[in-house]
Amino acid sequence: MGNERAYDCVSWAEGSVRTCWEARVINRPEVLRLSGTAAVIACNHIGWVDSLWVAYAVYPRQLRYMSKQELFNSRVAKWILEQGGSFAVDREVPSRDSIKTALDLLKNGEILLIFPSGTRSDQSISFKRGAAMVALHAGVPLVPAFYQGPNDVRIAQLATAAKELGWREPKSIAPQSN
């Protein structure tokens, strides 16, 4: 499959990536390590590069993530996003298909990144409930994360920009009994 080919390319380049693009990863929970289980990561979203650093932090596991459907409008962008593990979601009215895709990925032991703010912002904005809802329905932990770094990075700056990704302990999401 295409995702495995893209992932193999990342694996091959791991040494260079780690040397040039090192990010500080703080308190990564065991659930995200190679022997870990499925989980939903809920992270703030300040720029286009956030998902790259979260993927770096969970490597060698592959990160899957939701992306706004508008990003899939061009064939090239759609191909790149899909090869990187992304799938489209309508942020205003998520379809049953996108929710089913998320639940199926988690059922298969994947790690799913959701930006609960639903948009990029360097301001404190309220989160939508999708990440918690998906974790609840899949029966997997919700892992809070916080990315701190530049919000507008050009490719040439990826190696030199200071970036940090901090984690909190995973939260079990269980339905409340009446």
N, C-alpha and C. Protein backbone atom coordinates (compact mmCIF):
# COMPACT_ATOMS: atom_id res chain seq x y z
N MET A 1 0.83 -1.19 0.00
CA MET A 1 0.00 0.00 0.00
C MET A 1 0.87 1.24 0.00
N GLY A 2 0.29 2.36 -0.37
CA GLY A 2 1.01 3.62 -0.47
C GLY A 2 1.54 4.11 0.86
N ASN A 3 0.76 3.96 1.92
CA ASN A 3 1.19 4.46 3.22
C ASN A 3 2.46 3.76 3.69
N GLU A 4 2.58 2.47 3.44
CA GLU A 4 3.78 1.75 3.84
C GLU A 4 5.01 2.25 3.09
N ARG A 5 4.85 2.55 1.78
CA ARG A 5 5.97 3.09 0.99
C ARG A 5 6.43 4.42 1.56
N ALA A 6 5.49 5.30 1.85
CA ALA A 6 5.85 6.61 2.41
C ALA A 6 6.50 6.43 3.77
N TYR A 7 5.96 5.53 4.57
CA TYR A 7 6.50 5.29 5.91
C TYR A 7 7.91 4.70 5.81
N ASP A 8 8.15 3.82 4.83
CA ASP A 8 9.48 3.26 4.63
C ASP A 8 10.49 4.36 4.29
N CYS A 9 10.08 5.35 3.50
CA CYS A 9 10.96 6.47 3.17
C CYS A 9 11.33 7.25 4.42
N VAL A 10 10.34 7.46 5.30
CA VAL A 10 10.62 8.17 6.55
C VAL A 10 11.57 7.34 7.41
N SER A 11 11.34 6.04 7.48
CA SER A 11 12.22 5.16 8.26
C SER A 11 13.64 5.22 7.75
N TRP A 12 13.81 5.19 6.44
CA TRP A 12 15.13 5.22 5.83
C TRP A 12 15.87 6.51 6.18
N ALA A 13 15.15 7.60 6.26
CA ALA A 13 15.76 8.90 6.50
C ALA A 13 15.82 9.26 7.99
N GLU A 14 15.48 8.32 8.85
CA GLU A 14 15.37 8.63 10.27
C GLU A 14 16.63 9.29 10.84
N GLY A 15 17.81 8.77 10.51
CA GLY A 15 19.05 9.34 11.06
C GLY A 15 19.22 10.80 10.70
N SER A 16 18.96 11.14 9.45
CA SER A 16 19.08 12.54 9.03
C SER A 16 18.03 13.41 9.71
N VAL A 17 16.83 12.89 9.80
CA VAL A 17 15.75 13.67 10.41
C VAL A 17 16.06 13.93 11.86
N ARG A 18 16.50 12.90 12.58
CA ARG A 18 16.80 13.08 14.00
C ARG A 18 17.96 14.06 14.20
N THR A 19 18.95 14.02 13.32
CA THR A 19 20.08 14.92 13.44
C THR A 19 19.70 16.36 13.13
N CYS A 20 18.96 16.57 12.05
CA CYS A 20 18.67 17.92 11.60
C CYS A 20 17.42 18.53 12.22
N TRP A 21 16.43 17.71 12.52
CA TRP A 21 15.13 18.26 12.91
C TRP A 21 14.73 17.90 14.33
N GLU A 22 15.69 17.70 15.18
CA GLU A 22 15.41 17.27 16.54
C GLU A 22 14.44 18.22 17.23
N ALA A 23 13.43 17.65 17.84
CA ALA A 23 12.48 18.40 18.65
C ALA A 23 12.54 17.84 20.06
N ARG A 24 12.32 18.67 21.03
CA ARG A 24 12.33 18.22 22.42
C ARG A 24 10.97 17.59 22.73
N VAL A 25 10.98 16.33 23.13
CA VAL A 25 9.77 15.59 23.46
C VAL A 25 9.79 15.33 24.96
N ILE A 26 8.77 15.82 25.66
CA ILE A 26 8.73 15.75 27.12
C ILE A 26 7.61 14.82 27.58
N ASN A 27 7.95 13.86 28.44
CA ASN A 27 6.96 12.98 29.09
C ASN A 27 6.10 12.17 28.13
N ARG A 28 6.69 11.63 27.08
CA ARG A 28 5.90 10.80 26.15
C ARG A 28 5.38 9.58 26.90
N PRO A 29 4.07 9.38 26.91
CA PRO A 29 3.50 8.24 27.64
C PRO A 29 3.82 6.90 26.97
N GLU A 30 3.83 5.86 27.77
CA GLU A 30 4.12 4.51 27.28
C GLU A 30 3.15 4.07 26.20
N VAL A 31 1.89 4.49 26.29
CA VAL A 31 0.88 4.06 25.32
C VAL A 31 1.26 4.45 23.89
N LEU A 32 2.10 5.47 23.73
CA LEU A 32 2.50 5.93 22.40
C LEU A 32 3.77 5.26 21.88
N ARG A 33 4.41 4.50 22.71
CA ARG A 33 5.65 3.83 22.29
C ARG A 33 5.33 2.64 21.39
N LEU A 34 6.33 2.05 20.80
CA LEU A 34 6.17 0.99 19.81
C LEU A 34 5.28 -0.15 20.31
N SER A 35 5.40 -0.52 21.58
CA SER A 35 4.62 -1.63 22.12
C SER A 35 3.27 -1.16 22.66
N GLY A 36 2.94 0.10 22.48
CA GLY A 36 1.71 0.66 23.03
C GLY A 36 0.47 0.25 22.26
N THR A 37 -0.65 0.75 22.72
CA THR A 37 -1.95 0.43 22.13
C THR A 37 -2.47 1.62 21.33
N ALA A 38 -3.68 1.48 20.86
CA ALA A 38 -4.34 2.58 20.15
C ALA A 38 -4.59 3.74 21.12
N ALA A 39 -4.62 4.94 20.58
CA ALA A 39 -4.88 6.12 21.41
C ALA A 39 -5.28 7.28 20.51
N VAL A 40 -5.99 8.22 21.10
CA VAL A 40 -6.32 9.49 20.44
C VAL A 40 -5.46 10.55 21.09
N ILE A 41 -4.68 11.28 20.29
CA ILE A 41 -3.90 12.41 20.78
C ILE A 41 -4.70 13.67 20.51
N ALA A 42 -4.91 14.48 21.55
CA ALA A 42 -5.57 15.77 21.40
C ALA A 42 -4.52 16.84 21.65
N CYS A 43 -4.20 17.61 20.61
CA CYS A 43 -3.11 18.58 20.69
C CYS A 43 -3.58 19.94 20.18
N ASN A 44 -3.00 20.98 20.76
CA ASN A 44 -3.26 22.32 20.22
C ASN A 44 -2.71 22.40 18.80
N HIS A 45 -3.18 23.38 18.05
CA HIS A 45 -2.81 23.46 16.62
C HIS A 45 -2.49 24.92 16.30
N ILE A 46 -1.18 25.20 16.13
CA ILE A 46 -0.80 26.59 15.87
C ILE A 46 -0.26 26.81 14.46
N GLY A 47 0.12 25.74 13.77
CA GLY A 47 0.67 25.92 12.44
C GLY A 47 0.65 24.63 11.65
N TRP A 48 1.00 24.72 10.38
CA TRP A 48 0.95 23.55 9.50
C TRP A 48 1.94 22.46 9.90
N VAL A 49 2.97 22.80 10.62
CA VAL A 49 4.04 21.85 10.93
C VAL A 49 3.76 21.02 12.18
N ASP A 50 2.73 21.36 12.95
CA ASP A 50 2.43 20.66 14.20
C ASP A 50 2.34 19.14 14.03
N SER A 51 1.61 18.72 13.01
CA SER A 51 1.40 17.28 12.82
C SER A 51 2.72 16.56 12.52
N LEU A 52 3.66 17.25 11.86
CA LEU A 52 4.98 16.64 11.60
C LEU A 52 5.71 16.34 12.90
N TRP A 53 5.66 17.27 13.86
CA TRP A 53 6.37 17.09 15.12
C TRP A 53 5.68 16.03 15.98
N VAL A 54 4.36 15.95 15.93
CA VAL A 54 3.68 14.89 16.67
C VAL A 54 4.05 13.54 16.05
N ALA A 55 4.10 13.46 14.73
CA ALA A 55 4.51 12.22 14.06
C ALA A 55 5.94 11.85 14.46
N TYR A 56 6.82 12.84 14.53
CA TYR A 56 8.20 12.63 14.97
C TYR A 56 8.23 12.06 16.39
N ALA A 57 7.38 12.59 17.26
CA ALA A 57 7.38 12.20 18.67
C ALA A 57 6.88 10.78 18.89
N VAL A 58 6.05 10.24 18.00
CA VAL A 58 5.54 8.88 18.19
C VAL A 58 6.28 7.86 17.32
N TYR A 59 7.22 8.33 16.48
CA TYR A 59 8.00 7.43 15.63
C TYR A 59 8.71 6.40 16.49
N PRO A 60 8.75 5.12 16.14
CA PRO A 60 8.51 4.53 14.84
C PRO A 60 7.06 4.12 14.56
N ARG A 61 6.15 4.41 15.46
CA ARG A 61 4.75 4.15 15.14
C ARG A 61 4.28 5.18 14.14
N GLN A 62 3.33 4.79 13.30
CA GLN A 62 2.80 5.72 12.31
C GLN A 62 1.63 6.48 12.90
N LEU A 63 1.63 7.77 12.69
CA LEU A 63 0.55 8.64 13.14
C LEU A 63 -0.49 8.76 12.05
N ARG A 64 -1.75 8.66 12.41
CA ARG A 64 -2.86 8.92 11.49
C ARG A 64 -3.53 10.19 11.99
N TYR A 65 -4.09 10.98 11.10
CA TYR A 65 -4.71 12.22 11.57
C TYR A 65 -5.81 12.70 10.63
N MET A 66 -6.72 13.45 11.24
CA MET A 66 -7.80 14.07 10.50
C MET A 66 -7.30 15.40 9.95
N SER A 67 -7.71 15.71 8.73
CA SER A 67 -7.38 17.01 8.13
C SER A 67 -8.65 17.59 7.53
N LYS A 68 -8.74 18.91 7.56
CA LYS A 68 -9.93 19.54 7.00
C LYS A 68 -10.07 19.19 5.52
N GLN A 69 -11.29 18.94 5.10
CA GLN A 69 -11.54 18.44 3.75
C GLN A 69 -11.06 19.41 2.67
N GLU A 70 -10.98 20.70 2.96
CA GLU A 70 -10.53 21.67 1.97
C GLU A 70 -9.10 21.41 1.51
N LEU A 71 -8.29 20.77 2.35
CA LEU A 71 -6.91 20.47 1.97
C LEU A 71 -6.81 19.41 0.89
N PHE A 72 -7.88 18.66 0.68
CA PHE A 72 -7.88 17.55 -0.28
C PHE A 72 -8.39 17.97 -1.65
N ASN A 73 -8.55 19.26 -1.89
CA ASN A 73 -9.12 19.74 -3.16
C ASN A 73 -8.22 19.50 -4.37
N SER A 74 -6.92 19.55 -4.21
CA SER A 74 -6.03 19.29 -5.36
C SER A 74 -5.56 17.84 -5.31
N ARG A 75 -5.34 17.25 -6.46
CA ARG A 75 -4.89 15.85 -6.52
C ARG A 75 -3.55 15.65 -5.84
N VAL A 76 -2.65 16.61 -6.04
CA VAL A 76 -1.32 16.49 -5.45
C VAL A 76 -1.40 16.56 -3.93
N ALA A 77 -2.11 17.55 -3.42
CA ALA A 77 -2.25 17.68 -1.96
C ALA A 77 -2.94 16.46 -1.37
N LYS A 78 -3.98 15.98 -2.03
CA LYS A 78 -4.70 14.80 -1.56
C LYS A 78 -3.76 13.60 -1.48
N TRP A 79 -2.96 13.39 -2.51
CA TRP A 79 -2.03 12.26 -2.52
C TRP A 79 -1.02 12.38 -1.38
N ILE A 80 -0.44 13.56 -1.21
CA ILE A 80 0.56 13.77 -0.16
C ILE A 80 -0.05 13.52 1.21
N LEU A 81 -1.23 14.08 1.44
CA LEU A 81 -1.89 13.90 2.74
C LEU A 81 -2.22 12.44 3.01
N GLU A 82 -2.76 11.76 2.02
CA GLU A 82 -3.11 10.35 2.21
C GLU A 82 -1.88 9.49 2.43
N GLN A 83 -0.78 9.77 1.73
CA GLN A 83 0.46 9.02 1.93
C GLN A 83 1.01 9.25 3.33
N GLY A 84 0.75 10.41 3.88
CA GLY A 84 1.21 10.73 5.23
C GLY A 84 0.31 10.22 6.34
N GLY A 85 -0.80 9.58 5.97
CA GLY A 85 -1.67 9.00 7.00
C GLY A 85 -2.89 9.82 7.33
N SER A 86 -3.20 10.81 6.52
CA SER A 86 -4.32 11.70 6.80
C SER A 86 -5.59 11.24 6.08
N PHE A 87 -6.72 11.64 6.65
CA PHE A 87 -8.01 11.46 5.97
C PHE A 87 -8.85 12.70 6.20
N ALA A 88 -9.76 12.96 5.28
CA ALA A 88 -10.53 14.20 5.28
C ALA A 88 -11.69 14.15 6.26
N VAL A 89 -11.99 15.32 6.84
CA VAL A 89 -13.16 15.48 7.71
C VAL A 89 -13.75 16.87 7.48
N ASP A 90 -15.05 16.94 7.43
CA ASP A 90 -15.76 18.21 7.38
C ASP A 90 -15.83 18.73 8.81
N ARG A 91 -15.16 19.83 9.10
CA ARG A 91 -15.08 20.34 10.46
C ARG A 91 -16.42 20.81 11.01
N GLU A 92 -17.29 21.27 10.13
CA GLU A 92 -18.59 21.78 10.59
C GLU A 92 -19.57 20.65 10.86
N VAL A 93 -19.63 19.69 9.95
CA VAL A 93 -20.56 18.56 10.08
C VAL A 93 -19.81 17.27 9.72
N PRO A 94 -19.10 16.69 10.70
CA PRO A 94 -18.35 15.46 10.40
C PRO A 94 -19.30 14.35 9.92
N SER A 95 -18.92 13.70 8.84
CA SER A 95 -19.76 12.64 8.28
C SER A 95 -19.58 11.34 9.05
N ARG A 96 -20.53 10.46 8.88
CA ARG A 96 -20.42 9.13 9.48
C ARG A 96 -19.18 8.41 8.95
N ASP A 97 -18.85 8.64 7.67
CA ASP A 97 -17.68 7.97 7.08
C ASP A 97 -16.38 8.39 7.78
N SER A 98 -16.23 9.69 8.07
CA SER A 98 -14.98 10.12 8.71
C SER A 98 -14.90 9.60 10.15
N ILE A 99 -16.03 9.55 10.85
CA ILE A 99 -16.03 9.00 12.20
C ILE A 99 -15.75 7.50 12.15
N LYS A 100 -16.34 6.80 11.19
CA LYS A 100 -16.10 5.36 11.03
C LYS A 100 -14.63 5.09 10.70
N THR A 101 -14.05 5.92 9.84
CA THR A 101 -12.62 5.77 9.52
C THR A 101 -11.79 5.90 10.79
N ALA A 102 -12.08 6.91 11.60
CA ALA A 102 -11.34 7.13 12.84
C ALA A 102 -11.48 5.92 13.77
N LEU A 103 -12.70 5.43 13.95
CA LEU A 103 -12.94 4.29 14.84
C LEU A 103 -12.26 3.02 14.31
N ASP A 104 -12.30 2.81 12.99
CA ASP A 104 -11.65 1.64 12.39
C ASP A 104 -10.13 1.68 12.60
N LEU A 105 -9.53 2.86 12.42
CA LEU A 105 -8.09 3.00 12.64
C LEU A 105 -7.73 2.65 14.09
N LEU A 106 -8.52 3.15 15.02
CA LEU A 106 -8.25 2.88 16.43
C LEU A 106 -8.48 1.41 16.76
N LYS A 107 -9.49 0.81 16.16
CA LYS A 107 -9.76 -0.62 16.36
C LYS A 107 -8.56 -1.45 15.90
N ASN A 108 -7.83 -0.95 14.89
CA ASN A 108 -6.65 -1.65 14.37
C ASN A 108 -5.36 -1.26 15.09
N GLY A 109 -5.48 -0.57 16.23
CA GLY A 109 -4.31 -0.27 17.05
C GLY A 109 -3.53 0.97 16.66
N GLU A 110 -4.09 1.82 15.80
CA GLU A 110 -3.39 3.02 15.33
C GLU A 110 -3.43 4.15 16.38
N ILE A 111 -2.57 5.12 16.17
CA ILE A 111 -2.59 6.36 16.95
C ILE A 111 -3.22 7.43 16.06
N LEU A 112 -4.21 8.12 16.59
CA LEU A 112 -4.94 9.13 15.82
C LEU A 112 -4.76 10.50 16.45
N LEU A 113 -4.29 11.45 15.65
CA LEU A 113 -4.14 12.84 16.09
C LEU A 113 -5.37 13.63 15.68
N ILE A 114 -5.95 14.31 16.65
CA ILE A 114 -7.07 15.22 16.39
C ILE A 114 -6.72 16.55 17.03
N PHE A 115 -6.88 17.61 16.26
CA PHE A 115 -6.71 18.96 16.80
C PHE A 115 -8.09 19.42 17.26
N PRO A 116 -8.39 19.35 18.57
CA PRO A 116 -9.75 19.61 19.03
C PRO A 116 -10.22 21.05 18.88
N SER A 117 -9.31 21.97 18.59
CA SER A 117 -9.74 23.34 18.34
C SER A 117 -10.42 23.44 16.97
N GLY A 118 -10.12 22.50 16.08
CA GLY A 118 -10.71 22.49 14.75
C GLY A 118 -10.08 23.47 13.78
N THR A 119 -9.12 24.26 14.25
CA THR A 119 -8.45 25.24 13.40
C THR A 119 -7.13 25.64 14.03
N ARG A 120 -6.28 26.29 13.24
CA ARG A 120 -5.00 26.77 13.77
C ARG A 120 -5.19 28.08 14.50
N SER A 121 -4.54 28.20 15.65
CA SER A 121 -4.59 29.45 16.41
C SER A 121 -3.49 29.44 17.46
N ASP A 122 -2.84 30.59 17.65
CA ASP A 122 -1.87 30.67 18.74
C ASP A 122 -2.52 31.28 19.98
N GLN A 123 -3.82 31.49 19.92
CA GLN A 123 -4.59 31.98 21.05
C GLN A 123 -5.24 30.80 21.77
N SER A 124 -5.65 31.02 22.99
CA SER A 124 -6.37 29.99 23.73
C SER A 124 -7.83 30.00 23.27
N ILE A 125 -8.23 28.94 22.59
CA ILE A 125 -9.61 28.85 22.11
C ILE A 125 -10.23 27.55 22.61
N SER A 126 -11.54 27.52 22.69
CA SER A 126 -12.20 26.33 23.23
C SER A 126 -12.07 25.15 22.27
N PHE A 127 -12.02 23.99 22.86
CA PHE A 127 -11.91 22.76 22.09
C PHE A 127 -13.30 22.22 21.76
N LYS A 128 -13.40 21.58 20.62
CA LYS A 128 -14.62 20.86 20.27
C LYS A 128 -14.55 19.48 20.92
N ARG A 129 -15.65 18.76 20.95
CA ARG A 129 -15.70 17.50 21.69
C ARG A 129 -15.32 16.26 20.88
N GLY A 130 -14.95 16.42 19.61
CA GLY A 130 -14.70 15.28 18.73
C GLY A 130 -13.64 14.32 19.23
N ALA A 131 -12.51 14.80 19.73
CA ALA A 131 -11.43 13.91 20.17
C ALA A 131 -11.90 13.04 21.32
N ALA A 132 -12.57 13.64 22.29
CA ALA A 132 -13.08 12.87 23.44
C ALA A 132 -14.16 11.89 22.99
N MET A 133 -15.03 12.31 22.08
CA MET A 133 -16.10 11.45 21.60
C MET A 133 -15.53 10.24 20.87
N VAL A 134 -14.54 10.44 20.03
CA VAL A 134 -13.92 9.33 19.29
C VAL A 134 -13.23 8.38 20.26
N ALA A 135 -12.48 8.92 21.23
CA ALA A 135 -11.80 8.06 22.21
C ALA A 135 -12.82 7.26 23.01
N LEU A 136 -13.91 7.89 23.41
CA LEU A 136 -14.97 7.21 24.18
C LEU A 136 -15.56 6.05 23.38
N HIS A 137 -15.95 6.33 22.13
CA HIS A 137 -16.58 5.29 21.32
C HIS A 137 -15.61 4.17 20.93
N ALA A 138 -14.34 4.48 20.82
CA ALA A 138 -13.35 3.45 20.48
C ALA A 138 -12.85 2.71 21.71
N GLY A 139 -13.09 3.28 22.90
CA GLY A 139 -12.61 2.64 24.12
C GLY A 139 -11.10 2.71 24.27
N VAL A 140 -10.51 3.83 23.81
CA VAL A 140 -9.06 4.00 23.89
C VAL A 140 -8.74 5.24 24.72
N PRO A 141 -7.51 5.34 25.23
CA PRO A 141 -7.15 6.52 26.01
C PRO A 141 -7.07 7.78 25.16
N LEU A 142 -7.36 8.90 25.79
CA LEU A 142 -7.19 10.22 25.21
C LEU A 142 -5.90 10.78 25.79
N VAL A 143 -4.96 11.15 24.92
CA VAL A 143 -3.64 11.61 25.36
C VAL A 143 -3.50 13.10 25.07
N PRO A 144 -3.55 13.95 26.11
CA PRO A 144 -3.37 15.38 25.89
C PRO A 144 -1.91 15.71 25.53
N ALA A 145 -1.73 16.59 24.56
CA ALA A 145 -0.39 17.02 24.16
C ALA A 145 -0.40 18.53 23.94
N PHE A 146 0.78 19.13 24.05
CA PHE A 146 0.90 20.57 23.83
C PHE A 146 2.14 20.83 22.99
N TYR A 147 1.92 21.44 21.82
CA TYR A 147 3.03 21.80 20.93
C TYR A 147 3.38 23.26 21.15
N GLN A 148 4.67 23.52 21.29
CA GLN A 148 5.15 24.89 21.41
C GLN A 148 6.27 25.07 20.41
N GLY A 149 6.11 26.00 19.52
CA GLY A 149 7.10 26.25 18.50
C GLY A 149 6.59 27.31 17.56
N PRO A 150 7.32 27.55 16.48
CA PRO A 150 6.88 28.58 15.54
C PRO A 150 5.59 28.17 14.84
N ASN A 151 4.75 29.17 14.55
CA ASN A 151 3.49 28.85 13.87
C ASN A 151 3.58 29.03 12.36
N ASP A 152 4.65 29.63 11.88
CA ASP A 152 4.81 29.82 10.44
C ASP A 152 6.25 29.46 10.07
N VAL A 153 6.46 28.21 9.76
CA VAL A 153 7.81 27.72 9.48
C VAL A 153 7.96 27.46 7.99
N ARG A 154 9.02 27.98 7.42
CA ARG A 154 9.35 27.66 6.04
C ARG A 154 10.22 26.41 6.05
N ILE A 155 10.22 25.66 4.97
CA ILE A 155 10.96 24.40 4.90
C ILE A 155 12.41 24.58 5.34
N ALA A 156 13.06 25.64 4.91
CA ALA A 156 14.46 25.86 5.26
C ALA A 156 14.66 26.07 6.76
N GLN A 157 13.61 26.45 7.49
CA GLN A 157 13.74 26.73 8.92
C GLN A 157 13.41 25.52 9.79
N LEU A 158 12.97 24.42 9.21
CA LEU A 158 12.57 23.27 10.02
C LEU A 158 13.68 22.80 10.94
N ALA A 159 14.91 22.83 10.47
CA ALA A 159 16.03 22.32 11.27
C ALA A 159 16.41 23.25 12.40
N THR A 160 16.20 24.54 12.25
CA THR A 160 16.70 25.48 13.24
C THR A 160 15.63 26.03 14.18
N ALA A 161 14.38 25.89 13.86
CA ALA A 161 13.31 26.43 14.69
C ALA A 161 13.21 25.65 16.00
N ALA A 162 13.10 26.36 17.11
CA ALA A 162 12.95 25.70 18.41
C ALA A 162 11.53 25.15 18.50
N LYS A 163 11.43 23.89 18.91
CA LYS A 163 10.12 23.28 19.04
C LYS A 163 10.13 22.30 20.20
N GLU A 164 8.96 22.15 20.81
CA GLU A 164 8.84 21.31 21.99
C GLU A 164 7.46 20.70 22.00
N LEU A 165 7.38 19.45 22.38
CA LEU A 165 6.10 18.76 22.47
C LEU A 165 6.02 18.11 23.83
N GLY A 166 5.05 18.55 24.63
CA GLY A 166 4.87 18.01 25.97
C GLY A 166 3.60 17.18 26.05
N TRP A 167 3.63 16.17 26.90
CA TRP A 167 2.52 15.24 27.04
C TRP A 167 2.00 15.25 28.46
N ARG A 168 0.75 14.93 28.63
CA ARG A 168 0.14 14.65 29.94
C ARG A 168 -0.20 13.17 29.96
N GLU A 169 -0.50 12.67 31.13
CA GLU A 169 -0.88 11.27 31.25
C GLU A 169 -2.15 10.99 30.47
N PRO A 170 -2.22 9.83 29.82
CA PRO A 170 -3.45 9.46 29.09
C PRO A 170 -4.65 9.41 30.03
N LYS A 171 -5.79 9.78 29.51
CA LYS A 171 -7.04 9.77 30.27
C LYS A 171 -7.96 8.71 29.71
N SER A 172 -8.48 7.87 30.59
CA SER A 172 -9.49 6.91 30.16
C SER A 172 -10.82 7.65 30.10
N ILE A 173 -11.50 7.51 29.00
CA ILE A 173 -12.80 8.15 28.82
C ILE A 173 -13.85 7.06 28.98
N ALA A 174 -14.61 7.16 30.05
CA ALA A 174 -15.66 6.15 30.28
C ALA A 174 -17.00 6.84 30.40
N PRO A 175 -18.05 6.20 29.91
CA PRO A 175 -19.38 6.81 30.03
C PRO A 175 -19.76 6.96 31.49
N GLN A 176 -20.44 8.05 31.82
CA GLN A 176 -20.89 8.26 33.18
C GLN A 176 -22.15 7.46 33.42
N SER A 177 -22.20 6.82 34.58
CA SER A 177 -23.41 6.07 34.91
C SER A 177 -24.37 6.99 35.65
N ASN A 178 -25.64 6.76 35.46
CA ASN A 178 -26.66 7.61 36.08
C ASN A 178 -27.01 7.13 37.46
